[in-house]
Protein backbone atom coordinates (compact mmCIF):
# COMPACT_ATOMS: atom_id res chain seq x y z
CA MET A 1 10.85 -17.82 -12.48
CA SER A 2 14.77 -17.50 -10.84
CA PHE A 3 15.92 -16.67 -7.85
CA THR A 4 16.73 -13.02 -9.87
CA GLN A 5 13.96 -12.40 -10.76
CA ARG A 6 12.28 -13.24 -7.42
CA LEU A 7 14.91 -11.11 -5.56
CA SER A 8 13.75 -8.09 -7.58
CA ASP A 9 10.13 -8.71 -7.22
CA LEU A 10 10.93 -8.65 -3.73
CA ALA A 11 13.10 -5.83 -3.36
CA TYR A 12 10.04 -3.66 -5.47
CA ALA A 13 7.65 -4.93 -3.36
CA THR A 14 9.23 -3.58 0.01
CA GLY A 15 10.02 -0.87 -2.01
CA TRP A 16 6.26 0.04 -1.98
CA ARG A 17 5.53 -1.33 1.17
CA ALA A 18 8.16 0.44 3.61
CA VAL A 19 9.22 3.91 1.94
CA ARG A 20 5.78 4.65 2.05
CA GLY A 21 5.69 4.66 5.39
CA LEU A 22 8.98 6.09 6.43
CA PRO A 23 9.50 9.94 7.34
CA ALA A 24 9.56 11.85 4.07
CA PRO A 25 13.26 13.57 5.12
CA VAL A 26 14.41 9.83 6.18
CA VAL A 27 13.51 8.55 2.93
CA ALA A 28 15.13 11.53 1.31
CA ALA A 29 18.33 10.93 3.00
CA LEU A 30 18.39 7.03 2.09
CA PHE A 31 17.69 7.57 -1.86
CA ARG A 32 20.46 10.58 -2.23
CA GLY A 33 22.97 8.73 0.38
CA ALA A 34 22.24 5.32 -2.58
CA ALA A 35 22.99 7.33 -4.92
CA ASP A 36 26.32 9.05 -3.33
CA LEU A 37 27.27 5.70 -3.04
CA SER A 38 26.75 4.23 -6.42
CA ALA A 39 28.70 7.15 -7.62
CA ARG A 40 31.67 6.52 -5.10
CA ARG A 41 31.71 2.74 -7.17
CA ASN A 42 31.49 3.58 -10.13
CA GLY A 43 30.14 0.31 -11.47
CA PRO A 44 29.00 -0.51 -14.88
CA SER A 45 26.41 1.36 -15.24
CA THR A 46 27.48 4.48 -13.81
CA GLN A 47 30.03 4.40 -16.33
CA GLN A 48 27.41 4.06 -19.28
CA MET A 49 25.88 7.56 -16.99
CA ARG A 50 29.22 8.78 -17.78
CA ARG A 51 29.91 8.02 -20.92
CA ASN A 52 26.50 9.48 -22.09
CA TYR A 53 26.80 12.30 -20.06
CA ALA A 54 29.58 13.10 -21.86
CA ARG A 55 28.17 13.40 -25.01
CA VAL A 56 25.74 15.48 -23.84
CA VAL A 57 28.12 18.15 -22.10
CA PRO A 58 31.13 17.36 -24.51
CA LYS A 59 33.25 20.21 -23.23
CA ALA A 60 32.65 19.65 -19.87
CA GLY A 61 35.99 18.03 -18.34
CA PRO A 62 36.46 15.27 -15.58
CA ALA A 63 35.65 17.27 -12.40
CA GLU A 64 32.63 18.54 -13.90
CA LEU A 65 31.72 15.16 -15.19
CA ASP A 66 32.20 14.20 -12.15
CA GLU A 67 29.72 15.82 -10.23
CA LEU A 68 26.89 15.67 -13.57
CA VAL A 69 27.36 12.07 -12.83
CA ARG A 70 26.63 12.23 -8.81
CA ALA A 71 23.72 14.96 -9.67
CA GLY A 72 22.52 12.30 -12.16
CA LEU A 73 22.40 10.14 -10.13
CA ARG A 74 20.97 12.11 -6.92
CA SER A 75 17.96 12.99 -10.08
CA TYR A 76 17.55 9.05 -10.69
CA ALA A 77 17.31 8.58 -7.10
CA ARG A 78 14.39 11.09 -6.28
CA PHE A 79 12.46 9.49 -9.16
CA TRP A 80 12.63 6.23 -7.07
CA GLN A 81 11.96 7.59 -4.12
CA GLU A 82 8.63 9.46 -5.35
CA THR A 83 7.45 6.08 -7.65
CA PHE A 84 7.60 4.12 -4.06
CA ARG A 85 5.68 6.55 -2.47
CA LEU A 86 3.43 8.54 -5.24
CA PRO A 87 0.61 6.09 -4.13
CA GLY A 88 0.08 7.19 -0.40
CA MET A 89 0.58 10.83 -1.47
CA ASP A 90 -2.05 13.41 -1.99
CA HIS A 91 -2.36 14.06 -5.51
CA ARG A 92 -4.75 17.21 -5.84
CA LYS A 93 -1.63 18.65 -4.15
CA ILE A 94 0.56 17.36 -7.21
CA TYR A 95 -1.84 18.08 -9.97
CA GLU A 96 -2.07 21.92 -8.08
CA LYS A 97 1.80 21.87 -7.55
CA VAL A 98 2.71 21.17 -11.13
CA ASP A 99 -0.20 23.10 -12.35
CA GLU A 100 1.95 26.61 -11.19
CA VAL A 101 4.32 25.73 -13.69
CA PHE A 102 3.14 23.44 -16.65
CA VAL A 103 3.95 25.37 -19.75
CA GLY A 104 1.72 24.24 -23.19
CA ARG A 105 -1.53 23.58 -22.40
CA PRO A 106 -2.61 25.15 -25.18
CA LEU A 107 -1.29 23.25 -26.91
CA ILE A 108 -2.80 19.80 -25.93
CA GLU A 109 -6.28 21.36 -26.41
CA ALA A 110 -5.57 22.94 -29.98
CA ALA A 111 -4.34 19.07 -30.66
CA LEU A 112 -7.25 17.48 -29.14
CA ASP A 113 -10.22 20.28 -30.61
CA ARG A 114 -8.46 18.61 -33.72
CA GLY A 115 -10.68 14.85 -33.15
CA LYS A 116 -7.53 13.18 -33.99
CA GLY A 117 -5.99 12.24 -30.69
CA LEU A 118 -2.89 13.66 -29.24
CA VAL A 119 0.66 11.64 -29.11
CA LEU A 120 3.29 13.13 -26.13
CA ALA A 121 6.74 11.42 -26.43
CA LEU A 122 9.35 11.67 -24.04
CA PRO A 123 12.22 11.19 -22.88
CA HIS A 124 13.46 9.54 -19.62
CA THR A 125 13.51 12.70 -18.26
CA GLY A 126 12.00 13.89 -14.42
CA ASN A 127 9.50 12.26 -12.89
CA PHE A 128 6.82 11.67 -15.99
CA ASP A 129 4.19 9.83 -13.51
CA VAL A 130 4.27 13.15 -11.95
CA SER A 131 3.00 14.85 -14.76
CA GLY A 132 0.30 12.21 -15.58
CA ILE A 133 -1.01 12.58 -12.71
CA TRP A 134 -2.16 16.20 -14.44
CA LEU A 135 -3.10 15.20 -17.27
CA VAL A 136 -5.22 12.67 -15.72
CA ASP A 137 -6.52 15.85 -14.30
CA GLN A 138 -6.99 18.16 -17.03
CA PHE A 139 -7.58 15.47 -19.68
CA GLY A 140 -9.27 12.38 -17.87
CA PRO A 141 -7.37 8.62 -18.31
CA PHE A 142 -4.13 8.30 -21.09
CA THR A 143 -3.03 5.22 -22.55
CA THR A 144 1.05 4.11 -22.62
CA VAL A 145 2.87 1.05 -23.04
CA ASN A 146 4.63 -0.83 -20.18
CA GLU A 147 7.65 -3.25 -21.27
CA ARG A 148 6.27 -6.89 -20.35
CA LEU A 149 8.47 -7.59 -17.68
CA LYS A 150 9.95 -10.30 -15.65
CA PRO A 151 8.53 -11.50 -13.41
CA GLU A 152 4.89 -11.62 -14.15
CA SER A 153 4.57 -10.70 -10.80
CA LEU A 154 7.13 -7.70 -11.05
CA TYR A 155 4.89 -6.71 -13.99
CA ARG A 156 1.82 -6.23 -12.49
CA ARG A 157 3.08 -4.56 -9.33
CA PHE A 158 4.05 -1.78 -12.66
CA VAL A 159 0.80 -1.92 -13.99
CA ASP A 160 -1.16 -1.95 -10.58
CA TYR A 161 0.96 1.31 -9.73
CA ARG A 162 0.37 3.21 -12.45
CA GLN A 163 -2.91 1.89 -12.60
CA SER A 164 -4.12 3.21 -9.45
CA LEU A 165 -2.46 7.18 -10.42
CA GLY A 166 -5.32 7.04 -13.52
CA PHE A 167 -2.78 5.27 -16.73
CA GLU A 168 -4.70 2.76 -19.28
CA ILE A 169 -1.58 0.28 -19.20
CA VAL A 170 -1.23 -2.01 -22.23
CA PRO A 171 1.66 -4.44 -22.01
CA SER A 172 4.13 -3.88 -25.09
CA GLU A 173 3.60 -6.87 -26.63
CA GLY A 174 -0.22 -8.67 -28.05
CA GLY A 175 -2.07 -5.89 -29.80
CA ALA A 176 -0.25 -2.63 -28.62
CA TYR A 177 -0.25 -0.76 -31.59
CA ARG A 178 -3.49 -1.38 -32.95
CA LEU A 179 -5.05 -1.06 -29.61
CA LEU A 180 -3.31 2.67 -29.37
CA ILE A 181 -4.61 3.59 -32.67
CA GLU A 182 -8.14 2.94 -31.72
CA ARG A 183 -7.32 5.36 -28.78
CA LEU A 184 -6.17 7.84 -30.75
CA ARG A 185 -9.15 7.65 -33.59
CA ALA A 186 -11.91 8.29 -30.58
CA ASN A 187 -9.91 11.82 -30.09
CA LYS A 188 -7.98 10.37 -26.75
CA ILE A 189 -3.96 11.06 -25.42
CA VAL A 190 -0.76 8.62 -25.85
CA CYS A 191 1.99 9.01 -24.16
CA LEU A 192 5.40 7.06 -24.69
CA VAL A 193 8.52 7.33 -23.61
CA ALA A 194 11.11 7.21 -27.14
CA ASP A 195 14.28 8.35 -26.63
CA ARG A 196 15.56 4.22 -26.65
CA ASP A 197 15.18 1.60 -29.17
CA LEU A 198 18.30 -0.20 -30.19
CA SER A 199 16.19 -3.12 -32.76
CA ARG A 200 15.71 -3.78 -35.52
CA ARG A 201 12.80 -1.38 -35.91
CA GLY A 202 14.04 1.66 -34.57
CA ILE A 203 14.60 4.44 -36.68
CA PRO A 204 18.04 5.89 -37.52
CA VAL A 205 18.30 9.61 -36.00
CA THR A 206 21.62 11.77 -35.40
CA PHE A 207 21.30 12.54 -31.58
CA PHE A 208 24.28 15.17 -29.95
CA GLY A 209 25.87 14.44 -33.03
CA GLU A 210 26.23 10.67 -33.27
CA GLY A 211 23.91 8.13 -34.98
CA THR A 212 21.20 5.75 -32.53
CA ARG A 213 17.26 4.88 -32.92
CA MET A 214 14.79 5.92 -31.74
CA PRO A 215 11.50 4.15 -31.50
CA ALA A 216 8.92 4.42 -34.87
CA GLY A 217 6.06 4.45 -33.12
CA PRO A 218 5.06 7.80 -31.78
CA ALA A 219 5.87 8.83 -35.60
CA ARG A 220 4.16 6.02 -37.11
CA LEU A 221 0.85 6.62 -35.14
CA ALA A 222 0.49 10.03 -35.58
CA ALA A 223 0.65 9.29 -39.24
CA ALA A 224 -2.06 6.67 -39.66
CA THR A 225 -4.06 8.50 -37.89
CA GLY A 226 -3.69 12.31 -38.02
CA ALA A 227 -2.81 12.83 -34.38
CA GLN A 228 -0.56 15.43 -33.81
CA LEU A 229 2.69 14.30 -31.57
CA LEU A 230 4.23 16.34 -28.94
CA ILE A 231 7.21 16.60 -27.17
CA VAL A 232 7.18 16.32 -23.17
CA GLU A 233 9.89 17.82 -21.14
CA ASN A 234 10.04 16.60 -17.31
CA THR A 235 12.76 18.48 -14.41
CA PHE A 236 12.42 18.38 -11.03
CA THR A 237 12.93 21.71 -9.21
CA ASP A 238 14.19 21.95 -5.37
CA ASP A 239 10.56 21.56 -4.54
CA GLY A 240 8.70 19.89 -7.27
CA TRP A 241 8.76 19.32 -10.78
CA GLY A 242 8.89 21.74 -14.00
CA VAL A 243 6.59 20.03 -17.21
CA ARG A 244 6.20 21.40 -20.60
CA VAL A 245 5.36 20.86 -23.21
CA HIS A 246 6.04 21.58 -27.25
CA THR A 247 7.34 21.29 -30.71
CA PRO A 248 3.67 20.21 -32.78
CA ILE A 249 4.68 18.00 -35.03
CA LEU A 250 2.49 16.74 -38.01
CA VAL A 251 3.50 13.32 -39.96
CA HIS A 252 2.34 13.47 -43.60
CA GLY A 253 1.94 9.85 -44.34
CA ARG A 254 4.38 6.98 -43.09
CA GLU A 255 7.01 8.52 -45.54
CA ASP A 256 7.15 11.83 -42.95
CA VAL A 257 8.11 9.08 -40.23
CA GLY A 258 11.77 9.15 -40.65
CA VAL A 259 11.99 12.97 -40.22
CA ALA A 260 9.15 13.36 -37.68
CA THR A 261 11.40 10.99 -35.49
CA GLN A 262 14.27 12.86 -35.76
CA ARG A 263 12.58 16.10 -35.18
CA MET A 264 11.69 14.16 -31.99
CA ALA A 265 15.44 13.88 -31.58
CA ASP A 266 15.63 16.80 -31.75
CA GLY A 267 13.66 17.70 -29.17
CA PHE A 268 14.48 15.59 -27.06
CA ALA A 269 18.29 16.48 -27.28
CA ALA A 270 17.70 20.01 -26.44
CA ASP A 271 15.31 19.39 -23.73
CA ILE A 272 18.25 17.07 -22.00
CA ALA A 273 21.22 19.37 -22.95
CA ASN A 274 19.30 22.08 -20.44
CA ASN A 275 18.90 19.76 -17.80
CA PRO A 276 21.17 16.88 -17.93
CA ALA A 277 21.26 15.77 -14.44
CA ASP A 278 17.60 14.43 -14.84
CA TRP A 279 18.46 12.38 -17.55
CA HIS A 280 19.03 9.46 -16.54
CA MET A 281 19.59 7.07 -18.98
CA MET A 282 22.42 4.08 -17.70
CA GLN A 283 22.27 1.70 -20.77
CA LYS A 284 23.95 2.14 -24.06
CA LEU A 285 21.97 4.39 -26.50
CA TRP A 286 24.47 5.53 -28.69
CA LEU A 287 25.33 2.78 -31.56
CA ALA A 288 29.36 3.34 -31.09
CA ASP A 289 29.22 1.91 -27.54
CA LEU A 290 27.43 -1.58 -28.93
CA ASP A 291 29.83 -4.32 -29.56
CA GLU A 292 30.90 -5.09 -33.19
CA GLU A 293 27.94 -8.29 -33.78
CA ARG A 294 25.32 -6.12 -32.67
CA GLN A 295 26.48 -3.02 -34.68
CA LYS A 296 26.96 -5.11 -37.85
CA ALA A 297 23.01 -6.40 -36.85
CA LEU A 298 21.72 -3.39 -36.61
CA GLN A 299 23.45 -2.27 -40.19
CA GLU A 300 22.07 -5.11 -41.97
CA SER A 301 18.73 -4.22 -40.58
CA ARG A 302 18.49 -1.44 -42.50
């Protein structure tokens, strides 16, 4: 384990131990202050967030982008604040608060009534763990994929965290696709974060007018099983959360995977445009932001 990995593991362990025990107003002030400090420092990740937002709000001037980045960093800080506190919060109260505003439950029920499972696809917006708490309460445990983080102890912390919320977690490597197929054929729900995949396996899409790639997984799973694909929008409100399920997509075979993935990207774009500050994308997403060597490698893989 490298020093950086050890430090990262320690930071997350401290977060889950210490943040949970502090008064909520103190935690909120600390995380908000950290977000504002990141905005002032304007490091590489913050600069990338600004470039990403410039695509979402192309008519925004410098001052508007400054404010959007500040709001985005505060939203991202709130996500981590809630992540560290969720294990100790009252999940029933969270469910009830989300249930008051949840939009799209009939679409979930209709998809499951077909008996072929359901794929929920979502971008990095709001707090998807909170919407997962609602989903578990209403429809039982669902299955999702966690990136195989390093060191292994850090990966286990995230697995333990999400399992404590009632989710079934499978690693991104080692037969995940096969297990997800099994869950769908048993008429279960699979949830996948799916707004970034700059690998050779990603599906080319147009996103806010520019080219990028998104994971093939949601559409491929739907094509292989007959499951319906739905998009989930997660947002923050001043005192809670917003969750909306929409855009039913049926994928008619592997030849339809590309078209379905583009429809998924269009659905993500519409949601992000409505609430750009709640989209926590601080990595390079569009192909134009990659270096020439990486762009060439992706072009050769098509």
